[in-house]
Amino acid sequence: MKNYVPPNKRSKKAQKEYYAKRRRTWGDLNPVTRSVPSGKIYDRKKAKKETKRIGDEFRNGSATGLFFSKRRGTSPPMMNLGLSTSPNISLAYMSAE
């Protein structure tokens, strides 16, 4: 029968084997706690990405979607300029420039 030797008195190799046998895995579960970032907080990366996207749309000539898209909390650009909201007048005004 072998005498019991405490782990701290064993060689490094023996300690490693002992603790490896006792250790368990988390399996598919990731123990890192994650939180969902708040939408109210200013995110510099997000703002930079949006600015770059808008700049690319202008360079590619597909920026017309920005003028006619509905975004929450904003009014159409034609109303801000004091122009008529009639589609014929606004399109003629935009094509004249």
Protein backbone atom coordinates (compact mmCIF):
# COMPACT_ATOMS: atom_id res chain seq x y z
CA MET A 1 0.00 0.00 0.00
CA LYS A 2 1.28 3.45 -0.95
CA ASN A 3 1.60 6.20 1.60
CA TYR A 4 -0.43 9.34 0.91
CA VAL A 5 1.71 12.33 -0.02
CA PRO A 6 -0.02 15.74 0.01
CA PRO A 7 -0.08 17.56 -3.37
CA ASN A 8 2.08 20.45 -2.17
CA LYS A 9 4.87 18.02 -1.24
CA ARG A 10 4.83 16.23 -4.61
CA SER A 11 6.98 17.03 -7.61
CA LYS A 12 5.70 19.63 -10.10
CA LYS A 13 4.86 16.89 -12.61
CA ALA A 14 2.91 14.89 -10.01
CA GLN A 15 1.06 18.02 -8.85
CA LYS A 16 0.11 18.79 -12.44
CA GLU A 17 -1.30 15.28 -12.96
CA TYR A 18 -3.20 15.40 -9.67
CA TYR A 19 -4.89 18.73 -10.38
CA ALA A 20 -5.58 17.82 -14.02
CA LYS A 21 -7.59 14.78 -12.86
CA ARG A 22 -9.62 16.90 -10.43
CA ARG A 23 -10.30 19.68 -12.91
CA ARG A 24 -13.58 19.71 -14.81
CA THR A 25 -14.53 21.45 -18.04
CA TRP A 26 -17.36 23.86 -18.70
CA GLY A 27 -18.27 21.93 -21.85
CA ASP A 28 -20.13 24.11 -24.35
CA LEU A 29 -20.94 26.74 -21.71
CA ASN A 30 -18.80 29.88 -21.76
CA PRO A 31 -18.42 31.22 -18.20
CA VAL A 32 -17.72 34.81 -19.29
CA THR A 33 -20.49 37.20 -18.26
CA ARG A 34 -21.75 39.29 -21.15
CA SER A 35 -23.95 42.35 -21.08
CA VAL A 36 -25.98 43.99 -23.82
CA PRO A 37 -24.69 47.53 -24.46
CA SER A 38 -27.24 50.31 -23.94
CA GLY A 39 -28.49 52.06 -27.07
CA LYS A 40 -28.47 55.42 -25.28
CA ILE A 41 -24.70 55.47 -24.75
CA TYR A 42 -22.55 57.24 -27.37
CA ASP A 43 -20.43 54.71 -29.22
CA ARG A 44 -17.57 56.24 -31.16
CA LYS A 45 -17.07 53.12 -33.32
CA LYS A 46 -20.75 53.05 -34.26
CA ALA A 47 -20.76 56.77 -35.14
CA LYS A 48 -17.58 56.39 -37.20
CA LYS A 49 -19.04 53.41 -39.05
CA GLU A 50 -22.26 55.32 -39.85
CA THR A 51 -20.30 58.35 -41.10
CA LYS A 52 -18.17 56.12 -43.32
CA ARG A 53 -21.26 54.37 -44.70
CA ILE A 54 -22.94 57.68 -45.61
CA GLY A 55 -19.71 58.95 -47.22
CA ASP A 56 -19.44 55.77 -49.31
CA GLU A 57 -23.05 56.16 -50.46
CA PHE A 58 -22.38 59.71 -51.65
CA ARG A 59 -19.22 58.63 -53.48
CA ASN A 60 -21.04 55.76 -55.19
CA GLY A 61 -23.96 57.97 -56.20
CA SER A 62 -26.55 55.96 -54.29
CA ALA A 63 -27.24 58.70 -51.74
CA THR A 64 -30.79 59.33 -53.01
CA GLY A 65 -32.02 56.76 -50.50
CA LEU A 66 -30.93 59.08 -47.69
CA PHE A 67 -33.27 61.86 -48.83
CA PHE A 68 -36.34 59.68 -49.16
CA SER A 69 -35.82 57.21 -46.32
CA LYS A 70 -37.96 57.56 -43.21
CA ARG A 71 -35.98 57.69 -40.02
CA ARG A 72 -37.57 57.87 -36.63
CA GLY A 73 -37.54 61.31 -35.06
CA THR A 74 -36.54 63.25 -38.18
CA SER A 75 -38.55 65.21 -40.66
CA PRO A 76 -38.04 65.02 -44.43
CA PRO A 77 -35.30 67.34 -45.70
CA MET A 78 -37.71 69.12 -48.08
CA MET A 79 -39.83 70.36 -45.16
CA ASN A 80 -36.72 71.66 -43.40
CA LEU A 81 -35.89 73.78 -46.47
CA GLY A 82 -39.37 75.27 -46.54
CA LEU A 83 -40.15 73.69 -49.92
CA SER A 84 -43.47 72.31 -50.99
CA THR A 85 -44.12 68.68 -50.12
CA SER A 86 -45.55 67.97 -53.57
CA PRO A 87 -43.47 65.19 -55.20
CA ASN A 88 -43.34 66.91 -58.62
CA ILE A 89 -41.99 70.18 -57.26
CA SER A 90 -39.47 68.59 -54.90
CA LEU A 91 -38.08 66.26 -57.58
CA ALA A 92 -37.81 69.11 -60.06
CA TYR A 93 -36.01 71.22 -57.46
CA MET A 94 -33.57 68.40 -56.65
CA SER A 95 -32.89 67.58 -60.33
CA ALA A 96 -32.24 71.25 -61.15
CA GLU A 97 -29.14 71.33 -58.94
